[in-house]
Amino acid sequence: MRVPLPALLGGSAAALLLLLLRWRRRRGLWRKVAEAQQRQERSLVRMETAVQRFREQNPSVNVVSILSLPLPELSKKLRDGSLPLDHVFYSYVGKAIQITTETNCITEYLQESENQLRKAKLQGSKGLLYGVPVSIKDSIDCQGHDSTMGFIKYLNKPAAEDSVVVQVLRRQGAIPFVKTNVPQSLISYDCNNLIFGQTRNPLLYTRTPGGSSGGEGALIGGGGSILGIGTDVGGSLRFPAAFCGICALKPTGNRLSKRGVQAGVVGQKAVAAAVGPMAKDVESLALCMRALLCEDMFSLDSTVPPLPFNEEVYSSTQPLRIGYYETDFFTMPSPAMRRAVRETKQLLEEAGHTLVPFELTNVDYVIFNFCVRGIFSDGGTSFVEKFNGELEKGGSAMFFWLAKSPQWLKTLLSWIAKPFVPRFSRIIGNTKANTVSDVWSLHHEIEDFCHQFIAQWKKLNLDVMLCPMLGPALHIGYPGKLSVAVSYTMLYNALDFPAGVVPVTTVTDEDEDELKDYKGYYRDWWDRTLAKAFGGNVGMPVAVQCVALPWQEELCLRFMKEVETLALKKNSFV
């Protein structure tokens, strides 16, 4: 049958119009990206100009001396007036410019910080963090600034007010001065997005700084910030800290307010998200928690339990009973990870603590049935919707295709893949959409698992737990290929336990040699890829993870402090 010429021309015109509209929309999106990048550049120029002006007016300021002060000492000098606020502020602004030039970690300068600085000088010492410059993760709202999460659609949509955590920081005298980069959607432990680009590790530029609080990790790890605030839904505070050689604390999910903090997947309750601090050392984390756990936090967000910082627990010197394990039997630890736990165990025993083996079971079930299924209980629909209208999908094309596939196809693919790639099969099977009844049953199952884990903990009469932390830092681009390697951190989001990381050693030549025999537990493509990602990291930091029971952040910090002290003492004699 011949198609009439007018109909043919009409169809072609419609297709051409559709292509034209699509081209115009994409061109508009690219224009928004270019404008955002120009704003970022102007913002950094303003930082540089402000620092240059200050240095011309104050040529004798000893910047190196200021930057070398640990936070507790720095904050004491700021409060007693022995160190001028502007000397500290512009020293860190200057260092931050240097680090972002090297790593691309800052997305925006909060220019109002200079007004806050002037007001603070007039009002005098108020708050535990008086005059302390603080960096803030992109996804945490600061009034008048975007919280993009790496999405173009959230550009030019400044927050109407500060998040609660930023409000409390300001009331404690801190000066938020920059926002830092994240991966698109936050559901990644790399740090790259189309708007601001790739952030690099300050210790080795070919390595990722981790994510999703990767900009924070890079800036603090490079010395451009003394204290930062990030978030964690699967390791997003702990990965950057471990990869960049600093410390971080993921508190129990509701110990600090999440009001005004944006999330990659909104509404899911299976895997607990948390807001927490990042810094060079544990004492700085403790100071930050002291400042945040105040009446302002509890009155601004009444859903946060009014639990002030417990000094007695943090400062205790009683010997601890510590559980430990070297592997979760899901992600085979790198030689450096295993050695980090063994050496830390030995140091703790020599210091008079009791170390008790803890047997982990069913971590694979936790990762697939609790975490993957929990976060994507709606079949991944809400996550996929975040990318509607975006120019790219952050390297998640396969997941997008799966999320949009019908249930029967997911079931079929899971069954076909099971004999060949069992882990991939389970991921496919757990991205199916759940009924309300299924979700309620899942939440009940997670509660039961948590109680069983606590029962095992209490049967051994443990105070805290020493665990491996993924490391060293992976090559840039590898986290997107290795989502399964989040097992060591995500377990404690599913349990909602406080967990922190402390760097304890660095990769040795011997570790690198042993890596040649790395096979993994599944010996699949993921294990082979992880072996490559671990390689070539001699000299890079390796951390351990310190864990406590829910709401025991002070005990977790006390344990972290002990580990840090012993590791520093050992390394100073090496």
Protein backbone atom coordinates (compact mmCIF):
# COMPACT_ATOMS: atom_id res chain seq x y z
CA MET A 1 0.00 0.00 0.00
CA ARG A 2 1.38 3.37 -1.01
CA VAL A 3 1.54 6.07 1.70
CA PRO A 4 0.12 9.37 0.45
CA LEU A 5 2.79 12.03 0.01
CA PRO A 6 1.09 14.58 2.35
CA ALA A 7 0.93 11.98 5.14
CA LEU A 8 4.58 11.05 4.60
CA LEU A 9 5.63 14.69 4.68
CA GLY A 10 3.48 15.30 7.78
CA GLY A 11 5.09 12.37 9.61
CA SER A 12 8.57 13.56 8.68
CA ALA A 13 7.76 17.09 9.82
CA ALA A 14 6.50 15.79 13.17
CA ALA A 15 9.66 13.70 13.66
CA LEU A 16 11.82 16.68 12.70
CA LEU A 17 9.93 18.92 15.14
CA LEU A 18 10.42 16.34 17.90
CA LEU A 19 14.15 16.20 17.20
CA LEU A 20 14.32 19.99 17.17
CA LEU A 21 12.54 20.24 20.53
CA ARG A 22 14.82 17.59 22.00
CA TRP A 23 17.89 19.41 20.68
CA ARG A 24 16.65 22.72 22.16
CA ARG A 25 15.98 21.09 25.53
CA ARG A 26 19.45 19.50 25.63
CA ARG A 27 21.02 22.77 24.54
CA GLY A 28 19.19 24.50 27.39
CA LEU A 29 20.50 21.93 29.88
CA TRP A 30 24.08 22.34 28.62
CA ARG A 31 23.65 26.10 29.00
CA LYS A 32 22.62 25.59 32.66
CA VAL A 33 25.69 23.40 33.22
CA ALA A 34 27.96 26.03 31.64
CA GLU A 35 26.40 28.78 33.79
CA ALA A 36 26.88 26.69 36.94
CA GLN A 37 30.52 26.07 36.06
CA GLN A 38 31.02 29.78 35.46
CA ARG A 39 29.44 30.53 38.86
CA GLN A 40 31.79 28.02 40.44
CA GLU A 41 34.75 29.69 38.75
CA ARG A 42 33.63 33.19 39.84
CA SER A 43 33.12 31.86 43.35
CA LEU A 44 36.69 30.57 43.48
CA VAL A 45 38.01 33.85 42.08
CA ARG A 46 36.18 35.69 44.92
CA MET A 47 37.90 33.36 47.42
CA GLU A 48 41.28 34.05 45.88
CA THR A 49 40.69 37.80 45.77
CA ALA A 50 39.59 37.86 49.42
CA VAL A 51 42.69 35.91 50.50
CA GLN A 52 45.03 38.10 48.45
CA ARG A 53 43.53 41.27 49.95
CA PHE A 54 43.90 39.88 53.47
CA ARG A 55 47.51 38.82 52.90
CA GLU A 56 48.45 42.25 51.54
CA GLN A 57 46.98 43.85 54.67
CA ASN A 58 48.45 41.23 57.05
CA PRO A 59 51.78 40.08 55.58
CA SER A 60 53.14 38.75 58.88
CA VAL A 61 50.44 36.11 59.54
CA ASN A 62 51.99 32.67 60.03
CA VAL A 63 49.63 30.58 57.90
CA VAL A 64 51.62 27.35 58.28
CA SER A 65 51.47 27.61 62.07
CA ILE A 66 47.69 28.18 62.04
CA LEU A 67 47.02 25.30 59.65
CA SER A 68 49.10 22.95 61.81
CA LEU A 69 46.95 23.47 64.93
CA PRO A 70 44.54 20.64 65.80
CA LEU A 71 40.92 21.74 66.11
CA PRO A 72 40.64 21.58 69.94
CA GLU A 73 43.72 23.81 70.33
CA LEU A 74 42.63 26.12 67.50
CA SER A 75 39.13 26.58 68.93
CA LYS A 76 40.54 27.28 72.40
CA LYS A 77 42.80 30.01 70.99
CA LEU A 78 39.88 31.49 69.06
CA ARG A 79 37.66 31.56 72.15
CA ASP A 80 40.27 33.09 74.45
CA GLY A 81 41.23 35.70 71.83
CA SER A 82 44.87 34.66 71.46
CA LEU A 83 44.30 33.96 67.77
CA PRO A 84 42.37 36.48 65.61
CA LEU A 85 39.36 35.07 63.77
CA ASP A 86 40.27 36.55 60.40
CA HIS A 87 43.79 35.05 60.57
CA VAL A 88 42.26 31.58 60.89
CA PHE A 89 39.47 32.15 58.40
CA TYR A 90 41.63 33.44 55.55
CA SER A 91 44.37 30.88 56.24
CA TYR A 92 41.83 28.13 55.56
CA VAL A 93 40.22 29.94 52.62
CA GLY A 94 43.67 30.22 51.05
CA LYS A 95 44.52 26.58 51.65
CA ALA A 96 41.08 25.52 50.38
CA ILE A 97 41.73 27.34 47.10
CA GLN A 98 45.01 25.45 46.69
CA ILE A 99 43.41 22.07 47.41
CA THR A 100 40.43 22.60 45.10
CA THR A 101 42.81 23.67 42.32
CA GLU A 102 44.51 20.29 42.75
CA THR A 103 41.46 18.09 43.39
CA ASN A 104 38.32 19.96 42.23
CA CYS A 105 36.52 19.49 45.56
CA ILE A 106 34.71 22.83 46.13
CA THR A 107 31.47 23.63 44.31
CA GLU A 108 30.74 27.01 45.87
CA TYR A 109 32.17 29.65 48.20
CA LEU A 110 29.64 30.85 50.78
CA GLN A 111 30.45 34.54 50.49
CA GLU A 112 28.17 35.43 53.40
CA SER A 113 30.78 33.72 55.58
CA GLU A 114 32.77 36.96 55.42
CA ASN A 115 29.80 38.87 56.89
CA GLN A 116 29.45 36.21 59.59
CA LEU A 117 33.15 36.62 60.34
CA ARG A 118 32.76 40.39 60.81
CA LYS A 119 29.72 39.92 63.10
CA ALA A 120 31.53 37.28 65.16
CA LYS A 121 34.46 39.66 65.71
CA LEU A 122 32.06 42.31 67.02
CA GLN A 123 29.99 39.97 69.21
CA GLY A 124 32.92 38.13 70.79
CA SER A 125 33.31 34.49 71.80
CA LYS A 126 30.08 32.50 71.66
CA GLY A 127 29.86 28.75 71.25
CA LEU A 128 32.24 25.79 71.28
CA LEU A 129 33.13 26.30 67.60
CA TYR A 130 33.53 30.07 67.73
CA GLY A 131 35.34 31.25 64.59
CA VAL A 132 35.99 27.75 63.22
CA PRO A 133 35.67 27.57 59.39
CA VAL A 134 33.55 24.52 58.45
CA SER A 135 32.99 22.92 55.05
CA ILE A 136 29.55 21.55 54.11
CA LYS A 137 28.59 18.74 51.74
CA ASP A 138 26.60 19.83 48.65
CA SER A 139 23.44 17.96 49.74
CA ILE A 140 23.15 19.78 53.09
CA ASP A 141 21.04 22.94 52.74
CA CYS A 142 22.64 26.35 53.24
CA GLN A 143 20.26 29.28 52.80
CA GLY A 144 20.56 30.93 49.39
CA HIS A 145 22.65 28.12 47.88
CA ASP A 146 21.83 25.10 45.71
CA SER A 147 21.86 21.53 47.00
CA THR A 148 22.27 19.89 43.60
CA MET A 149 23.25 16.28 44.41
CA GLY A 150 24.94 16.56 40.99
CA PHE A 151 21.59 17.00 39.17
CA ILE A 152 21.03 19.77 36.63
CA LYS A 153 17.36 20.00 37.64
CA TYR A 154 18.35 21.28 41.11
CA LEU A 155 20.51 24.11 39.79
CA ASN A 156 19.19 27.63 40.46
CA LYS A 157 16.93 26.35 43.26
CA PRO A 158 18.59 27.83 46.35
CA ALA A 159 17.55 26.56 49.77
CA ALA A 160 15.03 28.77 51.57
CA GLU A 161 16.73 28.21 54.92
CA ASP A 162 19.70 26.49 56.52
CA SER A 163 19.42 22.83 57.44
CA VAL A 164 19.13 22.28 61.20
CA VAL A 165 22.73 21.08 61.46
CA VAL A 166 24.00 24.24 59.76
CA GLN A 167 21.80 26.42 61.99
CA VAL A 168 23.29 24.75 65.08
CA LEU A 169 26.84 25.13 63.74
CA ARG A 170 26.24 28.87 63.27
CA ARG A 171 24.78 29.20 66.77
CA GLN A 172 27.89 27.48 68.11
CA GLY A 173 30.01 30.14 66.39
CA ALA A 174 31.22 28.03 63.44
CA ILE A 175 31.54 29.70 60.03
CA PRO A 176 30.39 27.52 57.11
CA PHE A 177 32.54 28.76 54.23
CA VAL A 178 32.32 26.33 51.28
CA LYS A 179 30.11 23.60 49.84
CA THR A 180 31.80 20.49 48.46
CA ASN A 181 31.35 18.08 45.58
CA VAL A 182 29.36 14.82 45.45
CA PRO A 183 28.59 12.07 42.91
CA GLN A 184 25.37 12.42 40.95
CA SER A 185 22.47 11.10 43.09
CA LEU A 186 24.77 10.43 46.11
CA ILE A 187 24.32 6.67 45.56
CA SER A 188 28.00 6.09 44.81
CA TYR A 189 31.32 6.01 46.61
CA ASP A 190 33.12 7.86 43.82
CA CYS A 191 32.79 11.65 43.40
CA ASN A 192 31.85 12.75 39.91
CA ASN A 193 28.96 14.54 38.21
CA LEU A 194 28.31 16.32 34.94
CA ILE A 195 28.07 19.79 36.49
CA PHE A 196 31.24 20.02 38.58
CA GLY A 197 33.25 17.07 37.26
CA GLN A 198 35.50 14.54 38.96
CA THR A 199 37.01 15.17 42.39
CA ARG A 200 40.44 13.61 42.91
CA ASN A 201 42.13 12.16 45.97
CA PRO A 202 44.56 14.74 47.44
CA LEU A 203 47.07 11.98 48.28
CA LEU A 204 47.17 10.48 44.78
CA TYR A 205 45.29 12.21 41.97
CA THR A 206 44.60 9.00 40.00
CA ARG A 207 42.57 7.64 42.95
CA THR A 208 39.03 8.45 43.99
CA PRO A 209 38.54 10.42 47.21
CA GLY A 210 35.54 8.16 47.93
CA GLY A 211 31.94 9.25 48.17
CA SER A 212 29.40 10.42 48.43
CA SER A 213 31.01 12.94 50.83
CA GLY A 214 34.02 12.91 48.49
CA GLY A 215 34.52 16.65 48.24
CA GLU A 216 34.68 16.81 52.03
CA GLY A 217 37.19 13.97 52.17
CA ALA A 218 39.45 15.60 49.57
CA LEU A 219 39.31 19.07 51.14
CA ILE A 220 39.95 17.90 54.72
CA GLY A 221 42.48 15.26 53.62
CA GLY A 222 44.40 17.97 51.77
CA GLY A 223 44.30 20.35 54.75
CA GLY A 224 41.88 22.88 53.22
CA SER A 225 39.27 22.45 55.95
CA ILE A 226 39.64 21.55 59.62
CA LEU A 227 36.08 20.26 60.06
CA GLY A 228 33.40 19.14 57.64
CA ILE A 229 29.85 17.80 57.72
CA GLY A 230 28.75 14.96 55.46
CA THR A 231 26.13 12.23 55.23
CA ASP A 232 26.21 8.43 55.10
CA VAL A 233 23.70 5.88 53.76
CA GLY A 234 26.11 3.03 52.98
CA GLY A 235 29.56 4.36 53.81
CA SER A 236 29.40 7.89 52.38
CA LEU A 237 31.29 9.40 55.33
CA ARG A 238 33.54 6.42 55.95
CA PHE A 239 34.77 5.79 52.39
CA PRO A 240 36.12 9.35 51.88
CA ALA A 241 37.69 9.38 55.34
CA ALA A 242 39.43 6.02 54.81
CA PHE A 243 40.53 6.83 51.25
CA CYS A 244 41.87 10.29 52.16
CA GLY A 245 43.54 9.34 55.46
CA ILE A 246 41.26 11.20 57.89
CA CYS A 247 38.62 10.29 60.52
CA ALA A 248 34.82 10.29 60.35
CA LEU A 249 31.88 9.26 62.51
CA LYS A 250 28.58 7.91 61.21
CA PRO A 251 26.24 8.29 64.18
CA THR A 252 23.04 6.38 64.83
CA GLY A 253 20.61 7.61 62.15
CA ASN A 254 18.66 10.06 64.29
CA ARG A 255 21.35 11.26 66.72
CA LEU A 256 21.81 14.39 64.58
CA SER A 257 19.02 16.13 62.67
CA LYS A 258 18.48 15.35 58.99
CA ARG A 259 16.03 18.21 58.42
CA GLY A 260 17.17 20.18 55.40
CA VAL A 261 19.46 17.36 54.26
CA GLN A 262 18.71 16.01 50.77
CA ALA A 263 18.72 12.27 50.06
CA GLY A 264 19.39 10.19 46.95
CA VAL A 265 16.39 7.94 47.61
CA VAL A 266 13.68 9.67 49.62
CA GLY A 267 11.38 7.78 51.98
CA GLN A 268 13.09 4.40 52.31
CA LYS A 269 13.58 3.27 55.91
CA ALA A 270 15.38 -0.06 55.48
CA VAL A 271 18.88 1.41 55.35
CA ALA A 272 19.41 4.22 57.86
CA ALA A 273 21.03 7.44 56.65
CA ALA A 274 22.99 9.67 59.03
CA VAL A 275 24.62 13.09 59.23
CA GLY A 276 28.11 13.15 60.74
CA PRO A 277 31.43 14.99 61.13
CA MET A 278 34.75 14.51 59.29
CA ALA A 279 38.11 15.77 60.54
CA LYS A 280 41.83 14.99 60.74
CA ASP A 281 41.59 13.39 64.19
CA VAL A 282 39.13 11.86 66.66
CA GLU A 283 39.30 14.65 69.23
CA SER A 284 38.00 17.04 66.56
CA LEU A 285 35.03 14.74 65.87
CA ALA A 286 34.29 14.64 69.60
CA LEU A 287 34.39 18.44 69.84
CA CYS A 288 32.00 18.71 66.91
CA MET A 289 29.58 16.24 68.50
CA ARG A 290 29.76 18.14 71.81
CA ALA A 291 28.83 21.33 69.96
CA LEU A 292 26.00 19.79 67.92
CA LEU A 293 24.38 17.78 70.73
CA CYS A 294 22.99 20.86 72.42
CA GLU A 295 19.62 22.36 73.29
CA ASP A 296 19.48 24.18 69.94
CA MET A 297 19.60 20.86 68.07
CA PHE A 298 16.85 19.35 70.20
CA SER A 299 14.57 22.42 70.01
CA LEU A 300 15.01 22.99 66.27
CA ASP A 301 14.20 19.33 65.55
CA SER A 302 12.05 17.67 68.21
CA THR A 303 12.41 14.27 66.52
CA VAL A 304 16.06 14.16 67.65
CA PRO A 305 16.30 12.56 71.12
CA PRO A 306 17.61 15.07 73.69
CA LEU A 307 20.82 13.21 74.49
CA PRO A 308 23.68 15.62 75.27
CA PHE A 309 27.26 14.47 74.76
CA ASN A 310 28.26 12.05 77.54
CA GLU A 311 31.69 13.23 78.70
CA GLU A 312 32.02 10.49 81.31
CA VAL A 313 31.80 7.74 78.68
CA TYR A 314 34.15 9.48 76.24
CA SER A 315 36.84 10.23 78.82
CA SER A 316 36.73 6.80 80.54
CA THR A 317 39.99 4.83 80.68
CA GLN A 318 38.50 1.47 81.69
CA PRO A 319 39.79 -1.48 79.61
CA LEU A 320 37.40 -2.45 76.83
CA ARG A 321 36.07 -5.82 75.73
CA ILE A 322 36.33 -5.65 71.96
CA GLY A 323 34.86 -7.96 69.34
CA TYR A 324 36.72 -8.25 66.04
CA TYR A 325 36.68 -9.94 62.64
CA GLU A 326 39.05 -9.82 59.67
CA THR A 327 36.53 -10.53 56.92
CA ASP A 328 32.79 -10.50 56.28
CA PHE A 329 33.15 -13.50 53.89
CA PHE A 330 31.45 -11.48 51.16
CA THR A 331 34.12 -8.99 50.05
CA MET A 332 37.57 -10.52 50.48
CA PRO A 333 39.73 -7.95 52.30
CA SER A 334 42.85 -6.66 50.58
CA PRO A 335 46.10 -7.78 52.27
CA ALA A 336 46.46 -4.27 53.74
CA MET A 337 42.92 -4.37 55.20
CA ARG A 338 43.54 -7.71 56.89
CA ARG A 339 46.91 -6.56 58.25
CA ALA A 340 45.37 -3.32 59.56
CA VAL A 341 42.89 -5.29 61.69
CA ARG A 342 45.52 -7.77 62.92
CA GLU A 343 48.01 -5.08 63.90
CA THR A 344 45.32 -2.97 65.61
CA LYS A 345 44.10 -6.05 67.52
CA GLN A 346 47.65 -6.69 68.75
CA LEU A 347 48.13 -3.07 69.82
CA LEU A 348 44.85 -3.10 71.74
CA GLU A 349 45.73 -6.35 73.51
CA GLU A 350 49.15 -4.99 74.48
CA ALA A 351 47.38 -1.92 75.91
CA GLY A 352 45.33 -4.15 78.25
CA HIS A 353 42.07 -4.54 76.32
CA THR A 354 40.38 -7.91 75.72
CA LEU A 355 39.84 -8.96 72.10
CA VAL A 356 37.14 -11.53 71.30
CA PRO A 357 36.56 -13.13 67.87
CA PHE A 358 33.14 -12.28 66.43
CA GLU A 359 31.67 -14.51 63.74
CA LEU A 360 29.75 -12.69 61.03
CA THR A 361 27.13 -14.69 59.12
CA ASN A 362 24.75 -14.03 56.23
CA VAL A 363 26.31 -10.72 55.15
CA ASP A 364 25.37 -11.60 51.57
CA TYR A 365 21.73 -11.84 52.66
CA VAL A 366 21.98 -8.45 54.41
CA ILE A 367 23.44 -6.78 51.31
CA PHE A 368 21.01 -8.22 48.77
CA ASN A 369 17.78 -8.74 50.74
CA PHE A 370 17.99 -5.85 53.20
CA CYS A 371 20.06 -3.17 51.46
CA VAL A 372 19.45 -3.60 47.71
CA ARG A 373 15.85 -4.66 48.18
CA GLY A 374 15.31 -2.09 50.94
CA ILE A 375 16.59 0.91 48.99
CA PHE A 376 14.87 -0.16 45.76
CA SER A 377 11.65 -1.61 47.20
CA ASP A 378 9.65 0.29 44.58
CA GLY A 379 11.57 -1.45 41.81
CA GLY A 380 13.95 1.50 41.56
CA THR A 381 11.21 3.81 40.27
CA SER A 382 11.87 6.77 42.58
CA PHE A 383 15.63 6.54 42.01
CA VAL A 384 15.19 6.45 38.23
CA GLU A 385 12.76 9.39 38.33
CA LYS A 386 15.53 11.55 39.83
CA PHE A 387 17.34 11.25 36.48
CA ASN A 388 14.37 12.30 34.33
CA GLY A 389 15.40 15.19 32.14
CA GLU A 390 19.12 14.84 32.98
CA LEU A 391 21.84 14.70 30.32
CA GLU A 392 23.46 11.54 31.71
CA LYS A 393 22.75 8.72 34.11
CA GLY A 394 26.02 8.60 36.02
CA GLY A 395 27.22 5.31 34.58
CA SER A 396 24.10 3.43 35.74
CA ALA A 397 22.68 2.55 32.32
CA MET A 398 22.35 -1.16 33.16
CA PHE A 399 20.46 -0.42 36.38
CA PHE A 400 18.14 1.98 34.56
CA TRP A 401 17.33 -0.65 32.01
CA LEU A 402 16.66 -3.17 34.79
CA ALA A 403 14.51 -0.76 36.80
CA LYS A 404 12.31 -0.10 33.78
CA SER A 405 12.00 -3.81 32.88
CA PRO A 406 8.78 -5.68 33.72
CA GLN A 407 8.70 -7.99 36.74
CA TRP A 408 8.57 -11.18 34.65
CA LEU A 409 11.74 -10.17 32.77
CA LYS A 410 13.63 -9.46 36.01
CA THR A 411 12.60 -12.88 37.33
CA LEU A 412 13.69 -14.58 34.12
CA LEU A 413 17.05 -12.76 33.96
CA SER A 414 17.74 -13.52 37.62
CA TRP A 415 17.08 -17.23 36.99
CA ILE A 416 19.28 -17.32 33.84
CA ALA A 417 22.18 -15.47 35.55
CA LYS A 418 22.15 -17.52 38.77
CA PRO A 419 24.51 -20.37 37.72
CA PHE A 420 27.03 -18.02 36.06
CA VAL A 421 27.00 -14.77 38.08
CA PRO A 422 25.12 -15.51 41.34
CA ARG A 423 25.71 -12.06 42.86
CA PHE A 424 24.39 -10.28 39.79
CA SER A 425 21.43 -12.66 39.78
CA ARG A 426 20.55 -11.66 43.34
CA ILE A 427 20.83 -7.96 42.55
CA ILE A 428 18.39 -8.39 39.65
CA GLY A 429 16.03 -10.41 41.82
CA ASN A 430 16.04 -7.80 44.57
CA THR A 431 15.23 -4.83 42.32
CA LYS A 432 11.70 -6.12 41.75
CA ALA A 433 8.87 -3.90 42.98
CA ASN A 434 7.45 -4.97 46.35
CA THR A 435 3.92 -4.82 47.67
CA VAL A 436 3.19 -2.88 50.88
CA SER A 437 2.92 -6.22 52.66
CA ASP A 438 6.37 -7.19 51.32
CA VAL A 439 7.92 -3.95 52.61
CA TRP A 440 6.37 -4.36 56.07
CA SER A 441 7.66 -7.92 56.18
CA LEU A 442 11.13 -6.71 55.13
CA HIS A 443 11.21 -4.08 57.89
CA HIS A 444 10.17 -6.71 60.43
CA GLU A 445 12.93 -9.03 59.18
CA ILE A 446 15.53 -6.26 59.53
CA GLU A 447 14.37 -5.60 63.11
CA ASP A 448 14.72 -9.30 63.93
CA PHE A 449 18.21 -9.41 62.41
CA CYS A 450 19.24 -6.37 64.46
CA HIS A 451 18.01 -7.97 67.70
CA GLN A 452 19.83 -11.22 66.87
CA PHE A 453 23.05 -9.29 66.15
CA ILE A 454 22.75 -7.43 69.48
CA ALA A 455 22.04 -10.72 71.29
CA GLN A 456 25.25 -12.22 69.84
CA TRP A 457 27.11 -9.02 70.85
CA LYS A 458 25.78 -9.17 74.43
CA LYS A 459 26.38 -12.90 74.77
CA LEU A 460 30.08 -12.13 74.26
CA ASN A 461 29.73 -9.19 76.68
CA LEU A 462 31.26 -6.76 74.17
CA ASP A 463 31.67 -3.02 74.54
CA VAL A 464 32.65 -2.24 70.93
CA MET A 465 33.69 -3.93 67.68
CA LEU A 466 36.84 -3.67 65.53
CA CYS A 467 36.13 -4.27 61.82
CA PRO A 468 37.85 -3.95 58.45
CA MET A 469 37.31 -0.88 56.29
CA LEU A 470 37.52 -1.08 52.50
CA GLY A 471 40.85 0.24 51.32
CA PRO A 472 43.16 1.50 50.05
CA ALA A 473 41.54 4.11 47.77
CA LEU A 474 40.34 2.63 44.49
CA HIS A 475 41.33 3.98 41.09
CA ILE A 476 38.98 6.69 39.78
CA GLY A 477 35.97 5.17 38.02
CA TYR A 478 36.16 1.81 39.79
CA PRO A 479 33.53 2.37 42.53
CA GLY A 480 30.83 2.49 39.83
CA LYS A 481 31.89 -1.00 38.76
CA LEU A 482 32.15 -2.31 42.31
CA SER A 483 28.92 -1.48 44.11
CA VAL A 484 29.05 -4.87 45.87
CA ALA A 485 32.21 -3.79 47.77
CA VAL A 486 30.13 -1.64 50.16
CA SER A 487 29.46 -4.66 52.39
CA TYR A 488 31.82 -3.65 55.24
CA THR A 489 30.13 -0.28 55.71
CA MET A 490 26.52 -0.85 54.65
CA LEU A 491 26.02 -3.57 57.26
CA TYR A 492 26.05 -0.87 59.94
CA ASN A 493 23.54 1.30 58.08
CA ALA A 494 21.17 -1.68 57.95
CA LEU A 495 21.76 -2.24 61.69
CA ASP A 496 21.77 1.53 62.39
CA PHE A 497 24.84 1.29 64.65
CA PRO A 498 27.30 4.18 65.09
CA ALA A 499 30.52 3.50 63.19
CA GLY A 500 33.69 5.49 62.66
CA VAL A 501 36.92 5.08 60.74
CA VAL A 502 40.48 5.75 61.85
CA PRO A 503 43.57 5.46 59.59
CA VAL A 504 46.06 3.06 61.19
CA THR A 505 48.64 2.09 58.54
CA THR A 506 49.70 2.49 54.92
CA VAL A 507 50.03 0.00 52.08
CA THR A 508 53.43 -1.72 51.99
CA ASP A 509 55.36 -3.44 49.21
CA GLU A 510 54.58 -6.75 50.92
CA ASP A 511 50.83 -5.96 50.75
CA GLU A 512 51.22 -5.22 47.05
CA ASP A 513 53.01 -8.55 46.48
CA GLU A 514 50.30 -10.47 48.34
CA LEU A 515 47.66 -8.78 46.21
CA LYS A 516 48.87 -10.86 43.25
CA ASP A 517 47.19 -13.88 44.89
CA TYR A 518 43.89 -12.05 45.51
CA LYS A 519 41.03 -14.16 44.17
CA GLY A 520 37.93 -13.08 46.13
CA TYR A 521 35.25 -15.35 47.55
CA TYR A 522 33.12 -15.59 44.41
CA ARG A 523 35.92 -15.42 41.83
CA ASP A 524 33.59 -13.50 39.54
CA TRP A 525 34.08 -10.38 37.43
CA TRP A 526 33.57 -8.16 40.50
CA ASP A 527 36.33 -9.91 42.45
CA ARG A 528 38.75 -9.71 39.51
CA THR A 529 37.95 -6.02 39.06
CA LEU A 530 38.43 -5.29 42.78
CA ALA A 531 41.88 -6.88 42.69
CA LYS A 532 42.84 -4.41 39.92
CA ALA A 533 41.27 -1.49 41.78
CA PHE A 534 43.33 -2.20 44.92
CA GLY A 535 46.66 -2.27 43.04
CA GLY A 536 49.45 0.31 42.83
CA ASN A 537 48.71 1.93 46.19
CA VAL A 538 51.97 1.63 48.14
CA GLY A 539 52.05 4.41 50.75
CA MET A 540 48.29 5.08 50.66
CA PRO A 541 46.38 5.04 53.99
CA VAL A 542 44.37 2.09 55.27
CA ALA A 543 41.80 2.46 58.04
CA VAL A 544 39.87 0.26 60.43
CA GLN A 545 36.24 0.64 61.38
CA CYS A 546 35.16 1.09 65.02
CA VAL A 547 31.56 0.23 65.92
CA ALA A 548 29.32 0.57 68.99
CA LEU A 549 25.69 -0.23 69.80
CA PRO A 550 22.94 2.28 68.86
CA TRP A 551 23.07 5.69 70.60
CA GLN A 552 26.56 4.99 71.98
CA GLU A 553 28.45 7.52 69.84
CA GLU A 554 30.58 8.59 72.81
CA LEU A 555 31.76 5.01 73.38
CA CYS A 556 32.46 4.65 69.66
CA LEU A 557 34.55 7.85 69.75
CA ARG A 558 36.34 6.73 72.91
CA PHE A 559 37.29 3.46 71.14
CA MET A 560 38.36 5.38 68.01
CA LYS A 561 40.55 7.63 70.17
CA GLU A 562 42.23 4.59 71.71
CA VAL A 563 42.91 3.08 68.28
CA GLU A 564 44.23 6.39 66.95
CA THR A 565 46.56 6.91 69.94
CA LEU A 566 48.02 3.39 69.70
CA ALA A 567 48.45 3.58 65.91
CA LEU A 568 50.18 6.98 66.10
CA LYS A 569 52.51 5.71 68.82
CA LYS A 570 53.40 2.61 66.79
CA ASN A 571 53.91 4.54 63.54
CA SER A 572 56.13 7.12 65.23
CA PHE A 573 58.55 4.30 66.12
CA VAL A 574 58.45 2.59 62.72
